[in-house]
Protein backbone atom coordinates (compact mmCIF):
# COMPACT_ATOMS: atom_id res chain seq x y z
CA MET A 1 3.65 -26.48 7.62
CA LYS A 2 2.43 -29.05 5.06
CA PHE A 3 -0.67 -26.92 4.49
CA THR A 4 1.33 -23.75 3.95
CA GLU A 5 3.78 -25.53 1.65
CA LYS A 6 0.83 -26.73 -0.45
CA PHE A 7 -0.68 -23.25 -0.34
CA GLU A 8 2.56 -21.64 -1.52
CA LYS A 9 2.89 -24.26 -4.27
CA ALA A 10 -0.68 -23.55 -5.40
CA PHE A 11 0.11 -19.83 -5.64
CA ARG A 12 3.17 -20.58 -7.73
CA LEU A 13 1.21 -22.95 -9.99
CA LEU A 14 -1.80 -20.68 -10.50
CA LEU A 15 -0.35 -17.17 -10.41
CA PRO A 16 2.42 -15.97 -12.75
CA ALA A 17 4.36 -12.73 -12.24
CA PRO A 18 2.21 -9.62 -11.53
CA PHE A 19 3.01 -8.12 -14.95
CA THR A 20 1.85 -11.30 -16.67
CA ILE A 21 -1.34 -11.18 -14.60
CA ALA A 22 -1.90 -7.58 -15.73
CA VAL A 23 -1.55 -8.64 -19.38
CA ILE A 24 -3.94 -11.58 -18.89
CA LEU A 25 -6.48 -9.30 -17.17
CA THR A 26 -6.17 -6.86 -20.08
CA LEU A 27 -6.91 -9.61 -22.63
CA LEU A 28 -9.76 -10.92 -20.47
CA THR A 29 -11.29 -7.44 -20.27
CA MET A 30 -10.98 -7.07 -24.05
CA GLY A 31 -12.79 -10.38 -24.53
CA LEU A 32 -15.59 -9.39 -22.13
CA ALA A 33 -15.94 -6.01 -23.83
CA LEU A 34 -16.28 -7.62 -27.27
CA ALA A 35 -18.83 -10.10 -25.92
CA PHE A 36 -20.95 -7.83 -23.73
CA GLY A 37 -19.86 -4.22 -24.30
CA SER A 38 -21.30 -1.58 -26.61
CA PHE A 39 -19.45 0.28 -29.39
CA PRO A 40 -20.50 3.48 -31.24
CA ASN A 41 -19.24 2.04 -34.54
CA GLU A 42 -20.34 -1.60 -34.58
CA SER A 43 -18.54 -2.33 -37.85
CA LYS A 44 -15.07 -1.82 -36.33
CA PRO A 45 -15.30 -2.97 -32.70
CA ILE A 46 -11.71 -4.24 -32.42
CA LEU A 47 -10.18 -0.97 -33.58
CA GLN A 48 -12.44 0.98 -31.22
CA LEU A 49 -11.54 -1.38 -28.41
CA LEU A 50 -7.83 -0.75 -28.95
CA ASP A 51 -8.51 2.99 -29.12
CA PHE A 52 -10.31 2.84 -25.76
CA TRP A 53 -7.42 0.80 -24.33
CA GLN A 54 -4.78 3.23 -25.55
CA GLU A 55 -6.72 6.25 -24.24
CA GLY A 56 -6.74 4.64 -20.80
CA LEU A 57 -3.15 3.42 -21.09
CA TRP A 58 -1.71 6.91 -21.52
CA ASN A 59 -4.32 8.85 -19.56
CA ALA A 60 -2.28 11.80 -18.26
CA PRO A 61 -3.97 12.28 -14.83
CA MET A 62 -3.72 8.55 -14.14
CA LEU A 63 -0.06 8.45 -15.18
CA ALA A 64 0.52 11.25 -12.65
CA PHE A 65 -1.16 8.97 -10.10
CA ALA A 66 1.32 6.19 -11.00
CA VAL A 67 4.26 8.54 -10.36
CA GLN A 68 2.72 9.57 -7.03
CA MET A 69 2.50 5.93 -5.98
CA MET A 70 6.07 5.21 -7.10
CA LEU A 71 7.31 8.14 -5.03
CA ILE A 72 5.36 7.18 -1.93
CA LEU A 73 6.99 3.73 -2.03
CA VAL A 74 10.50 4.88 -2.99
CA LEU A 75 10.67 7.78 -0.52
CA GLY A 76 9.31 5.60 2.28
CA HIS A 77 11.97 2.98 1.51
CA ILE A 78 14.71 5.62 1.41
CA LEU A 79 13.61 6.97 4.79
CA ALA A 80 13.65 3.47 6.29
CA LEU A 81 17.31 3.12 5.29
CA ALA A 82 18.35 6.36 7.04
CA LYS A 83 20.75 6.13 10.00
CA PRO A 84 18.37 7.82 12.53
CA ILE A 85 15.71 5.21 11.73
CA GLY A 86 18.29 2.52 12.49
CA TYR A 87 19.08 4.17 15.82
CA PHE A 88 15.36 4.33 16.62
CA ILE A 89 14.94 0.63 15.84
CA ASP A 90 17.95 -0.28 18.01
CA THR A 91 16.50 1.76 20.89
CA ILE A 92 13.10 0.08 20.67
CA ILE A 93 14.38 -3.49 20.44
CA GLY A 94 16.69 -2.77 23.36
CA LEU A 95 13.54 -2.64 25.50
CA ALA A 96 12.62 -6.21 24.60
CA LYS A 97 13.64 -8.65 27.34
CA SER A 98 11.44 -11.55 26.25
CA ALA A 99 10.40 -13.09 22.95
CA ALA A 100 6.77 -12.11 23.55
CA MET A 101 7.65 -8.47 24.23
CA ALA A 102 9.98 -8.34 21.22
CA THR A 103 7.34 -9.74 18.88
CA LEU A 104 4.70 -7.37 20.27
CA LEU A 105 7.01 -4.37 19.76
CA VAL A 106 7.88 -5.36 16.19
CA GLY A 107 4.20 -5.75 15.30
CA LEU A 108 3.02 -2.57 17.04
CA CYS A 109 5.83 -0.33 15.75
CA THR A 110 5.54 -1.67 12.22
CA MET A 111 1.80 -1.03 12.17
CA MET A 112 2.18 2.50 13.55
CA VAL A 113 4.86 3.34 10.99
CA GLY A 114 2.74 1.70 8.27
CA LEU A 115 -0.10 4.08 9.15
CA PHE A 116 2.23 6.95 8.23
CA ASN A 117 3.65 5.44 5.05
CA TRP A 118 3.31 1.92 3.70
CA GLY A 119 6.70 1.87 1.95
CA LEU A 120 8.45 3.05 5.12
CA GLY A 121 6.48 0.56 7.23
CA LEU A 122 7.31 -2.33 4.92
CA ILE A 123 11.08 -1.82 5.05
CA PHE A 124 11.07 -0.61 8.67
CA GLY A 125 9.27 -3.79 9.75
CA ALA A 126 11.66 -6.02 7.83
CA ILE A 127 14.75 -4.35 9.31
CA MET A 128 13.27 -4.35 12.82
CA ALA A 129 12.39 -8.05 12.60
CA ARG A 130 15.89 -8.93 11.41
CA LYS A 131 17.68 -6.78 14.01
CA THR A 132 15.51 -8.24 16.77
CA ALA A 133 16.40 -11.77 15.70
CA GLU A 134 20.10 -10.83 15.57
CA LYS A 135 19.90 -9.38 19.09
CA PHE A 136 18.33 -12.54 20.50
CA SER A 137 20.86 -14.67 18.63
CA ARG A 138 23.78 -12.72 20.13
CA GLU A 139 22.28 -13.11 23.60
CA GLY A 140 21.77 -16.86 23.12
CA LYS A 141 17.99 -16.54 23.45
CA SER A 142 15.46 -18.30 21.27
CA ILE A 143 12.72 -16.49 19.36
CA ASN A 144 10.26 -17.51 16.65
CA TYR A 145 11.88 -15.83 13.63
CA PRO A 146 9.06 -16.54 11.11
CA LEU A 147 6.58 -15.04 13.57
CA LEU A 148 8.84 -11.98 13.83
CA GLY A 149 8.76 -11.76 10.03
CA ALA A 150 4.96 -11.84 10.07
CA ALA A 151 4.98 -9.09 12.73
CA GLY A 152 7.27 -7.03 10.49
CA TYR A 153 4.74 -7.40 7.67
CA ALA A 154 1.73 -6.39 9.78
CA GLY A 155 1.93 -2.77 8.59
CA MET A 156 0.32 -3.94 5.35
CA MET A 157 -2.82 -4.70 7.38
CA VAL A 158 -3.37 -1.03 8.26
CA TRP A 159 -1.71 0.99 5.48
CA HIS A 160 -4.77 1.65 3.31
CA GLY A 161 -6.55 3.21 6.27
CA GLY A 162 -3.53 5.41 7.00
CA LEU A 163 -1.88 8.53 5.64
CA SER A 164 -0.57 6.84 2.48
CA GLY A 165 -3.78 5.00 1.57
CA SER A 166 -4.15 5.19 -2.21
CA ALA A 167 -7.93 5.34 -2.54
CA PRO A 168 -8.72 7.76 0.36
CA LEU A 169 -5.91 10.13 -0.63
CA LYS A 170 -6.91 10.07 -4.28
CA VAL A 171 -10.62 10.78 -3.80
CA VAL A 172 -9.79 13.80 -1.64
CA GLU A 173 -8.19 15.49 -4.67
CA GLU A 174 -10.55 17.83 -6.48
CA GLY A 175 -11.16 16.65 -10.02
CA HIS A 176 -10.17 13.01 -9.51
CA ILE A 177 -13.70 11.64 -9.16
CA SER A 178 -14.92 13.65 -12.13
CA GLN A 179 -11.96 12.36 -14.14
CA ILE A 180 -12.56 8.65 -13.47
CA MET A 181 -16.37 8.92 -13.59
CA THR A 182 -16.74 10.97 -16.77
CA GLY A 183 -19.21 9.14 -18.98
CA ILE A 184 -20.47 7.13 -15.99
CA PHE A 185 -21.82 9.72 -13.58
CA THR A 186 -24.19 12.43 -14.76
CA GLU A 187 -22.84 15.97 -14.69
CA GLU A 188 -25.08 16.67 -11.68
CA ASN A 189 -23.62 13.76 -9.72
CA ILE A 190 -20.07 14.82 -10.53
CA LEU A 191 -20.75 18.36 -9.30
CA GLU A 192 -22.25 16.96 -6.09
CA THR A 193 -19.19 14.75 -5.48
CA ILE A 194 -16.17 16.92 -6.28
CA SER A 195 -14.11 15.14 -3.64
CA ILE A 196 -14.49 12.95 -0.56
CA PRO A 197 -12.89 14.56 2.52
CA LEU A 198 -10.47 12.66 4.75
CA GLU A 199 -12.75 13.35 7.71
CA SER A 200 -15.16 10.88 6.07
CA THR A 201 -12.57 8.21 5.23
CA ILE A 202 -9.23 7.96 7.06
CA PHE A 203 -10.34 10.09 10.01
CA SER A 204 -13.91 8.79 10.18
CA PRO A 205 -15.12 7.21 13.45
CA MET A 206 -15.45 3.88 11.61
CA ASN A 207 -11.85 3.82 10.39
CA LEU A 208 -10.44 5.15 13.65
CA THR A 209 -12.29 2.36 15.48
CA ALA A 210 -11.00 -0.29 13.06
CA THR A 211 -7.45 1.06 13.37
CA PHE A 212 -7.61 1.13 17.17
CA LEU A 213 -8.85 -2.48 17.27
CA LEU A 214 -6.10 -3.62 14.89
CA LEU A 215 -3.39 -1.83 16.91
CA SER A 216 -4.75 -3.34 20.12
CA ILE A 217 -5.53 -6.92 19.10
CA ILE A 218 -2.86 -7.89 16.56
CA PRO A 219 0.23 -7.08 18.70
CA LEU A 220 -1.31 -8.94 21.64
CA PHE A 221 -2.07 -11.92 19.40
CA LEU A 222 1.54 -11.90 18.15
CA ALA A 223 2.84 -11.83 21.73
CA LEU A 224 0.55 -14.74 22.64
CA MET A 225 1.81 -16.72 19.66
CA ALA A 226 5.42 -16.00 20.65
CA ASN A 227 4.74 -17.58 24.05
CA ARG A 228 3.00 -20.61 22.59
CA THR A 229 5.28 -21.44 19.66
CA LYS A 230 8.78 -22.87 19.55
CA GLY A 231 11.60 -20.38 19.17
CA ASN A 232 14.77 -20.64 17.12
CA SER A 233 17.89 -18.54 17.64
CA ALA A 234 19.26 -19.24 14.14
CA ILE A 235 19.71 -16.23 11.84
CA SER A 236 20.89 -16.18 8.24
CA ASN A 237 24.13 -14.45 7.27
CA LEU A 238 22.51 -11.87 5.00
CA LYS A 239 23.76 -8.31 5.42
CA LEU A 240 21.53 -5.29 5.77
CA THR A 241 21.94 -2.54 3.19
CA LYS A 242 24.36 0.18 4.25
CA THR A 243 23.69 3.64 2.83
CA GLU A 244 26.24 5.70 4.75
CA THR A 245 29.02 7.00 2.50
CA THR A 246 32.43 8.34 3.48
CA THR A 247 33.72 11.56 2.02
CA PRO A 248 36.50 10.88 -0.54
CA LEU A 249 39.76 12.65 0.19
CA ASN A 250 40.38 13.91 -3.35
CA LEU A 251 37.20 15.93 -3.89
CA ILE A 252 37.59 19.20 -5.78
CA GLY A 253 35.30 22.13 -6.45
CA ALA A 254 31.61 21.38 -6.92
CA GLU A 255 32.10 17.67 -6.10
CA LYS A 256 32.13 18.64 -2.42
CA LEU A 257 28.48 19.68 -2.66
CA ASP A 258 27.43 16.03 -2.98
CA TYR A 259 28.81 15.42 0.52
CA SER A 260 27.76 18.72 2.10
CA LYS A 261 25.66 18.22 5.22
CA PHE A 262 24.81 21.93 5.32
CA LEU A 263 23.31 21.92 1.81
CA CYS A 264 21.42 18.63 2.14
CA ILE A 265 19.98 19.23 5.61
CA GLY A 266 19.30 22.88 4.78
CA PHE A 267 17.31 22.00 1.68
CA GLY A 268 15.42 19.31 3.59
CA LEU A 269 14.53 21.77 6.35
CA LEU A 270 13.37 24.28 3.75
CA ILE A 271 10.96 21.68 2.36
CA LEU A 272 9.70 20.72 5.82
CA GLY A 273 9.35 24.36 6.84
CA TYR A 274 7.20 25.04 3.80
CA ALA A 275 5.15 21.88 4.49
CA LEU A 276 4.40 23.19 7.99
CA THR A 277 2.78 26.31 6.52
CA VAL A 278 0.39 24.39 4.26
CA PRO A 279 -2.17 23.29 6.91
CA SER A 280 -2.75 26.84 8.15
CA ARG A 281 -3.45 27.98 4.59
CA SER A 282 -5.85 25.15 3.74
CA ALA A 283 -9.42 26.34 3.23
CA ASN A 284 -10.97 22.85 3.33
CA GLY A 285 -9.94 21.16 6.55
CA LEU A 286 -7.66 18.18 5.92
CA SER A 287 -7.89 18.34 2.12
CA PHE A 288 -4.21 19.33 1.98
CA LEU A 289 -3.30 15.79 3.12
CA ASN A 290 -3.12 14.36 -0.39
CA LEU A 291 -0.48 12.19 -2.06
CA ASN A 292 1.55 15.20 -3.17
CA TYR A 293 1.73 16.60 0.36
CA ILE A 294 2.72 13.26 1.89
CA ASN A 295 5.47 12.87 -0.73
CA LEU A 296 6.68 16.40 -0.03
CA VAL A 297 7.05 15.67 3.68
CA LEU A 298 8.77 12.35 2.94
CA LEU A 299 11.26 14.06 0.63
CA GLY A 300 12.15 16.62 3.31
CA LEU A 301 12.55 13.92 5.97
CA CYS A 302 14.71 11.78 3.66
CA LEU A 303 17.13 14.65 3.00
CA VAL A 304 17.37 15.67 6.66
CA PHE A 305 17.80 12.10 7.93
CA HIS A 306 20.36 11.05 5.31
CA ALA A 307 22.25 14.35 5.81
CA ARG A 308 24.19 14.08 2.53
CA PHE A 309 23.00 13.87 -1.07
CA SER A 310 25.45 11.00 -1.58
CA ASN A 311 23.72 8.97 1.17
CA PHE A 312 20.30 9.88 -0.20
CA LEU A 313 21.22 8.80 -3.74
CA LYS A 314 22.76 5.53 -2.57
CA ALA A 315 19.53 4.71 -0.73
CA LEU A 316 17.59 5.74 -3.84
CA ASP A 317 19.51 3.19 -5.92
CA GLU A 318 18.40 0.49 -3.48
CA ALA A 319 14.80 1.70 -3.14
CA ILE A 320 14.02 2.28 -6.82
CA LYS A 321 14.13 -1.45 -7.54
CA GLY A 322 10.90 -2.03 -5.63
CA SER A 323 8.92 0.49 -7.72
CA SER A 324 9.49 -1.11 -11.13
CA GLY A 325 6.23 -3.01 -10.91
CA ILE A 326 4.24 0.20 -10.44
CA LEU A 327 5.95 1.85 -13.41
CA ILE A 328 5.09 -0.87 -15.89
CA GLN A 329 1.88 -2.36 -14.47
CA PHE A 330 -0.17 0.73 -13.62
CA PRO A 331 -0.62 1.84 -17.26
CA LEU A 332 -2.07 -1.60 -18.03
CA TYR A 333 -4.58 -1.16 -15.19
CA PHE A 334 -5.46 2.28 -16.58
CA GLY A 335 -5.98 0.67 -19.99
CA ILE A 336 -8.38 -1.83 -18.41
CA MET A 337 -10.27 1.07 -16.82
CA GLY A 338 -10.45 2.83 -20.20
CA ILE A 339 -11.98 -0.24 -21.86
CA MET A 340 -14.49 -0.83 -19.06
CA ARG A 341 -15.61 2.79 -18.97
CA SER A 342 -15.94 3.31 -22.73
CA THR A 343 -17.70 0.01 -23.52
CA GLY A 344 -20.20 0.11 -20.67
CA LEU A 345 -18.71 -2.82 -18.73
CA ILE A 346 -18.61 -0.70 -15.57
CA GLN A 347 -22.37 -0.21 -15.79
CA LEU A 348 -22.96 -3.93 -16.37
CA ILE A 349 -20.83 -4.98 -13.39
CA SER A 350 -22.38 -2.27 -11.23
CA ASP A 351 -25.85 -3.49 -12.15
CA TYR A 352 -24.88 -6.99 -11.05
CA PHE A 353 -23.63 -5.75 -7.68
CA ILE A 354 -26.81 -3.73 -7.24
CA SER A 355 -28.94 -6.79 -8.01
CA ILE A 356 -27.35 -8.88 -5.23
CA SER A 357 -26.82 -6.11 -2.65
CA THR A 358 -28.70 -4.02 -0.17
CA VAL A 359 -27.54 -0.88 1.59
CA GLN A 360 -26.35 -3.06 4.49
CA THR A 361 -24.65 -5.82 2.49
CA PHE A 362 -23.00 -3.74 -0.25
CA PRO A 363 -19.97 -2.71 1.90
CA ILE A 364 -19.41 -6.38 2.82
CA PHE A 365 -19.60 -7.47 -0.82
CA THR A 366 -17.21 -4.64 -1.68
CA LEU A 367 -14.73 -5.83 0.97
CA ILE A 368 -14.91 -9.43 -0.32
CA SER A 369 -14.56 -8.44 -3.97
CA ALA A 370 -11.67 -6.07 -3.16
CA GLY A 371 -9.89 -8.88 -1.33
CA LEU A 372 -10.28 -11.15 -4.37
CA VAL A 373 -9.20 -8.46 -6.84
CA ASN A 374 -6.11 -7.73 -4.71
CA ILE A 375 -4.87 -11.28 -5.33
CA PHE A 376 -4.68 -10.49 -9.05
CA VAL A 377 -3.95 -6.73 -8.82
CA PRO A 378 -1.54 -6.57 -5.85
CA SER A 379 -1.55 -2.81 -5.55
CA GLY A 380 -4.01 -0.54 -3.80
CA GLY A 381 -3.51 2.18 -6.41
CA GLY A 382 -3.90 -0.15 -9.37
CA GLN A 383 -6.90 -1.75 -7.72
CA TRP A 384 -8.56 1.62 -7.22
CA ALA A 385 -8.04 2.41 -10.92
CA VAL A 386 -9.79 -0.82 -11.94
CA GLN A 387 -12.44 -1.22 -9.22
CA GLY A 388 -13.03 2.35 -8.01
CA PRO A 389 -15.44 3.44 -10.78
CA ILE A 390 -17.49 0.23 -10.37
CA ILE A 391 -17.85 0.75 -6.62
CA LEU A 392 -18.77 4.44 -6.89
CA GLN A 393 -21.34 3.71 -9.61
CA ALA A 394 -23.00 0.93 -7.61
CA ALA A 395 -22.87 2.92 -4.37
CA ASP A 396 -24.50 5.88 -6.10
CA GLN A 397 -27.41 3.78 -7.37
CA LEU A 398 -27.88 1.96 -4.06
CA GLY A 399 -27.62 5.13 -1.99
CA VAL A 400 -24.63 3.86 0.00
CA SER A 401 -22.11 6.32 1.42
CA PHE A 402 -19.22 6.89 -1.02
CA SER A 403 -16.76 7.26 1.85
CA LYS A 404 -17.82 3.96 3.43
CA SER A 405 -17.56 2.23 0.05
CA VAL A 406 -14.04 3.59 -0.46
CA MET A 407 -12.97 2.29 2.95
CA ALA A 408 -14.57 -1.10 2.29
CA LEU A 409 -12.32 -1.39 -0.76
CA ALA A 410 -9.34 -0.32 1.34
CA TYR A 411 -10.11 -2.95 3.98
CA GLY A 412 -10.43 -5.72 1.40
CA ASP A 413 -7.10 -4.74 -0.13
CA GLN A 414 -5.42 -4.82 3.29
CA LEU A 415 -6.85 -8.21 4.18
CA THR A 416 -5.43 -10.24 1.32
CA ASN A 417 -2.04 -8.56 1.56
CA MET A 418 -1.60 -11.21 4.25
CA LEU A 419 -2.34 -13.84 1.59
CA GLN A 420 -0.70 -12.35 -1.51
CA PRO A 421 3.12 -12.64 -1.25
CA PHE A 422 3.94 -9.86 -3.76
CA TRP A 423 4.61 -7.04 -1.27
CA ALA A 424 6.29 -9.44 1.16
CA LEU A 425 9.20 -9.90 -1.26
CA PRO A 426 11.30 -7.00 0.16
CA LEU A 427 10.75 -8.33 3.69
CA LEU A 428 11.69 -11.86 2.66
CA GLY A 429 14.84 -10.55 0.99
CA ILE A 430 15.93 -8.59 4.07
CA THR A 431 15.08 -11.28 6.62
CA GLY A 432 16.11 -14.33 4.59
CA LEU A 433 12.79 -15.99 5.41
CA LYS A 434 10.60 -17.91 2.97
CA ALA A 435 6.95 -17.15 2.20
CA LYS A 436 5.81 -20.53 3.51
CA GLU A 437 7.45 -19.77 6.89
CA ILE A 438 5.49 -16.58 7.58
CA LEU A 439 2.26 -17.65 5.85
CA PRO A 440 0.68 -19.52 8.81
CA TYR A 441 0.94 -16.36 10.91
CA THR A 442 -0.12 -13.87 8.24
CA LEU A 443 -3.18 -16.02 7.50
CA SER A 444 -4.07 -15.77 11.20
CA LEU A 445 -3.73 -11.98 11.00
CA MET A 446 -6.02 -12.00 7.96
CA LEU A 447 -8.72 -13.84 9.92
CA ILE A 448 -8.49 -11.32 12.77
CA GLY A 449 -8.68 -8.46 10.27
CA THR A 450 -11.71 -10.02 8.57
CA LEU A 451 -13.59 -10.09 11.88
CA ILE A 452 -12.65 -6.49 12.71
CA PHE A 453 -13.45 -5.02 9.29
CA THR A 454 -16.77 -6.78 8.83
CA THR A 455 -17.81 -5.73 12.34
CA VAL A 456 -17.10 -2.02 11.82
CA LEU A 457 -18.71 -2.04 8.36
CA LEU A 458 -21.91 -3.50 9.83
CA LEU A 459 -21.97 -1.29 12.94
CA PHE A 460 -21.22 2.13 11.40
């Protein structure tokens, strides 16, 4: 515990708020561009630099990406607060008769839900961990609550290789690669790499193997730790968010529509019915599984599961708080990308990676660098905006598979989620735990993930 307390203190001493980090990274990038970058008009480099920054800051396609990422988090959070999800959690934890089984179930279920949607998995895991601890407390049984919290956070170890992974879902969109690589790739290269299919990233044999190993090993490790560590039946008195609303008695006219189950469920089913037709009309395999499609399905599920617009909107009020960082930080990351692309910094950094890498070692270096970048840019989407062009440029010149390089970035991002406490904040708020309490266990999960990811990157 002394080590983790020191570790947490070091994080607090060295790392300010994520927005402040984004500003510092912006200023650092500006300094590097002035020192090492190239400018068409050498007499006015600062003005050009600010022009490049502003062009990236308000880049329309990238701003659309920011909204997509906000929605994938908010809709996943809303779905996690729905009553049927609560019933499902209660049913699952009812199967747990021992602390080891309970911890295993929390970890396994959280990871499986996290593969579908990271926002849903994050809140689902937090609620499941808390409800499990409450159940054991009522029954007078002891359980390691911090370990449960770590199990409820384990979905962040698999999310980027799942159906809401920012980088894999973005590169499958036609036009995205050409948009971020304009001025970096030649026109011939852009035409050859219109998009990277999901069959080569999320559904590749390499990623499926990594996911299977994570789903197999991590829950078993959590169960083993539950048997070997001291339990505690204490639970804080925090209350879980309630999103169910009662229909007021004095509603008149159109006000009743806000509480109409028929309208809300009907509209949700219409959305889901349409979503079911999309795969059969897709001409390019799984290319329909992009961020827009995932958000469409989530919206339909949210409406059906909450059953009333009033319930949905109450959950929205709770969920929207967690997306504020994306709204204000992502444009700064896009500005950094604009500076790096327009001043030639991407080429310089890519050349450095090429000089120290081979075809075999480049994916490992990508994983390590992505893990380090994630500490300062705690968002898979923001990280892709900053690091994606560098990785694709270096991979192109080394002759490394683009899809493997994208997944190496995804794996690095997942790894240091277990180290970076930013996305753990919602879980800590729901469970009442402290970062230093779950950190010993999440660090252990990070070590397991490191072994799994480096192994699959070397073998495939």
